[in-house]
Amino acid sequence: MREAITQYVEREEKREALNQDTLKVWEQFQSTGLHAVAEEVDQWLASWGTDDELPAPVCRE
């Protein structure tokens, strides 16, 4: 029972940290307008681990 409670608390703490990070990033986007284009991010991620790995996409306004 204690282990289950410990695991639950750890999951909730991680979830809350993710929520806070998400809110912080959203606020940054709202103030700067900087973003990455989804298609470019998808291409970049698909290239990971290949011989032709692409550089990270550039953020734009």
N, C-alpha and C. Protein backbone atom coordinates (compact mmCIF):
# COMPACT_ATOMS: atom_id res chain seq x y z
N MET A 1 0.82 -1.18 0.00
CA MET A 1 0.00 0.00 0.00
C MET A 1 0.87 1.26 0.00
N ARG A 2 1.91 1.26 0.84
CA ARG A 2 2.80 2.41 0.89
C ARG A 2 3.49 2.64 -0.46
N GLU A 3 3.90 1.54 -1.08
CA GLU A 3 4.57 1.65 -2.39
C GLU A 3 3.62 2.26 -3.43
N ALA A 4 2.38 1.85 -3.41
CA ALA A 4 1.39 2.39 -4.35
C ALA A 4 1.19 3.89 -4.11
N ILE A 5 1.11 4.28 -2.86
CA ILE A 5 0.94 5.70 -2.53
C ILE A 5 2.17 6.49 -2.96
N THR A 6 3.35 5.93 -2.72
CA THR A 6 4.60 6.59 -3.11
C THR A 6 4.64 6.78 -4.62
N GLN A 7 4.29 5.74 -5.37
CA GLN A 7 4.29 5.83 -6.83
C GLN A 7 3.27 6.86 -7.32
N TYR A 8 2.12 6.89 -6.69
CA TYR A 8 1.08 7.85 -7.06
C TYR A 8 1.58 9.28 -6.84
N VAL A 9 2.17 9.53 -5.68
CA VAL A 9 2.67 10.87 -5.36
C VAL A 9 3.77 11.27 -6.35
N GLU A 10 4.67 10.36 -6.67
CA GLU A 10 5.73 10.66 -7.63
C GLU A 10 5.15 11.00 -9.00
N ARG A 11 4.17 10.23 -9.45
CA ARG A 11 3.52 10.51 -10.74
C ARG A 11 2.85 11.88 -10.74
N GLU A 12 2.15 12.19 -9.67
CA GLU A 12 1.45 13.48 -9.58
C GLU A 12 2.44 14.64 -9.53
N GLU A 13 3.56 14.46 -8.85
CA GLU A 13 4.59 15.50 -8.81
C GLU A 13 5.18 15.73 -10.20
N LYS A 14 5.43 14.65 -10.93
CA LYS A 14 5.94 14.77 -12.29
C LYS A 14 4.90 15.44 -13.19
N ARG A 15 3.64 15.07 -13.03
CA ARG A 15 2.57 15.66 -13.83
C ARG A 15 2.47 17.17 -13.56
N GLU A 16 2.56 17.54 -12.30
CA GLU A 16 2.48 18.96 -11.94
C GLU A 16 3.68 19.74 -12.49
N ALA A 17 4.87 19.13 -12.43
CA ALA A 17 6.06 19.78 -12.99
C ALA A 17 5.90 19.97 -14.49
N LEU A 18 5.37 18.98 -15.19
CA LEU A 18 5.12 19.09 -16.63
C LEU A 18 4.11 20.20 -16.91
N ASN A 19 3.05 20.26 -16.12
CA ASN A 19 2.04 21.31 -16.30
C ASN A 19 2.66 22.70 -16.12
N GLN A 20 3.50 22.86 -15.11
CA GLN A 20 4.15 24.15 -14.86
C GLN A 20 5.08 24.51 -16.01
N ASP A 21 5.84 23.53 -16.50
CA ASP A 21 6.73 23.77 -17.65
C ASP A 21 5.92 24.18 -18.87
N THR A 22 4.80 23.52 -19.09
CA THR A 22 3.94 23.82 -20.23
C THR A 22 3.39 25.24 -20.14
N LEU A 23 2.94 25.63 -18.97
CA LEU A 23 2.43 26.99 -18.79
C LEU A 23 3.52 28.03 -19.01
N LYS A 24 4.73 27.74 -18.56
CA LYS A 24 5.84 28.66 -18.74
C LYS A 24 6.16 28.83 -20.23
N VAL A 25 6.19 27.72 -20.96
CA VAL A 25 6.46 27.78 -22.40
C VAL A 25 5.34 28.52 -23.13
N TRP A 26 4.10 28.28 -22.74
CA TRP A 26 2.96 28.96 -23.36
C TRP A 26 3.07 30.47 -23.15
N GLU A 27 3.44 30.88 -21.94
CA GLU A 27 3.60 32.31 -21.66
C GLU A 27 4.72 32.91 -22.52
N GLN A 28 5.82 32.16 -22.68
CA GLN A 28 6.91 32.64 -23.53
C GLN A 28 6.43 32.80 -24.97
N PHE A 29 5.69 31.83 -25.46
CA PHE A 29 5.17 31.92 -26.83
C PHE A 29 4.26 33.13 -26.98
N GLN A 30 3.38 33.34 -26.01
CA GLN A 30 2.45 34.47 -26.10
C GLN A 30 3.19 35.80 -26.12
N SER A 31 4.30 35.89 -25.40
CA SER A 31 5.02 37.17 -25.35
C SER A 31 5.98 37.36 -26.52
N THR A 32 6.52 36.26 -27.08
CA THR A 32 7.51 36.40 -28.15
C THR A 32 6.99 36.00 -29.52
N GLY A 33 6.04 35.08 -29.56
CA GLY A 33 5.54 34.57 -30.83
C GLY A 33 6.48 33.56 -31.48
N LEU A 34 7.61 33.26 -30.83
CA LEU A 34 8.56 32.31 -31.42
C LEU A 34 7.98 30.91 -31.38
N HIS A 35 8.15 30.18 -32.49
CA HIS A 35 7.65 28.82 -32.58
C HIS A 35 8.44 28.05 -33.64
N ALA A 36 8.35 26.74 -33.58
CA ALA A 36 8.93 25.87 -34.61
C ALA A 36 7.77 25.32 -35.44
N VAL A 37 8.02 25.11 -36.72
CA VAL A 37 7.01 24.58 -37.62
C VAL A 37 6.96 23.05 -37.44
N ALA A 38 5.76 22.52 -37.23
CA ALA A 38 5.59 21.10 -36.93
C ALA A 38 6.22 20.21 -37.99
N GLU A 39 6.05 20.53 -39.25
CA GLU A 39 6.61 19.72 -40.33
C GLU A 39 8.14 19.64 -40.23
N GLU A 40 8.78 20.77 -39.92
CA GLU A 40 10.23 20.78 -39.77
C GLU A 40 10.67 19.97 -38.55
N VAL A 41 9.91 20.07 -37.47
CA VAL A 41 10.22 19.29 -36.26
C VAL A 41 10.08 17.81 -36.56
N ASP A 42 9.01 17.42 -37.27
CA ASP A 42 8.82 16.01 -37.63
C ASP A 42 9.99 15.49 -38.46
N GLN A 43 10.44 16.27 -39.44
CA GLN A 43 11.58 15.86 -40.27
C GLN A 43 12.84 15.73 -39.44
N TRP A 44 13.04 16.67 -38.53
CA TRP A 44 14.22 16.64 -37.66
C TRP A 44 14.20 15.39 -36.78
N LEU A 45 13.05 15.11 -36.15
CA LEU A 45 12.95 13.93 -35.29
C LEU A 45 13.14 12.64 -36.08
N ALA A 46 12.60 12.59 -37.29
CA ALA A 46 12.73 11.39 -38.13
C ALA A 46 14.18 11.15 -38.52
N SER A 47 15.00 12.20 -38.51
CA SER A 47 16.39 12.06 -38.92
C SER A 47 17.29 11.60 -37.77
N TRP A 48 16.80 11.62 -36.56
CA TRP A 48 17.62 11.23 -35.41
C TRP A 48 18.11 9.80 -35.59
N GLY A 49 19.37 9.59 -35.29
CA GLY A 49 19.96 8.26 -35.36
C GLY A 49 20.33 7.81 -36.76
N THR A 50 20.17 8.69 -37.74
CA THR A 50 20.56 8.35 -39.10
C THR A 50 21.89 9.02 -39.43
N ASP A 51 22.47 8.62 -40.54
CA ASP A 51 23.72 9.25 -40.98
C ASP A 51 23.50 10.68 -41.44
N ASP A 52 22.26 11.01 -41.80
CA ASP A 52 21.93 12.35 -42.30
C ASP A 52 21.09 13.12 -41.29
N GLU A 53 21.49 13.08 -40.01
CA GLU A 53 20.73 13.77 -38.97
C GLU A 53 20.70 15.28 -39.25
N LEU A 54 19.51 15.85 -39.18
CA LEU A 54 19.33 17.27 -39.47
C LEU A 54 19.57 18.11 -38.21
N PRO A 55 19.94 19.38 -38.40
CA PRO A 55 20.05 20.27 -37.26
C PRO A 55 18.65 20.61 -36.74
N ALA A 56 18.56 21.04 -35.51
CA ALA A 56 17.28 21.44 -34.93
C ALA A 56 16.66 22.57 -35.74
N PRO A 57 15.34 22.55 -35.89
CA PRO A 57 14.68 23.62 -36.64
C PRO A 57 14.88 24.99 -35.95
N VAL A 58 14.87 26.02 -36.76
CA VAL A 58 15.01 27.37 -36.24
C VAL A 58 13.65 27.89 -35.81
N CYS A 59 13.60 28.53 -34.65
CA CYS A 59 12.34 29.15 -34.21
C CYS A 59 12.12 30.41 -35.02
N ARG A 60 10.88 30.66 -35.33
CA ARG A 60 10.53 31.86 -36.11
C ARG A 60 9.33 32.54 -35.49
N GLU A 61 9.10 33.76 -35.91
CA GLU A 61 7.95 34.53 -35.40
C GLU A 61 6.76 34.31 -36.28
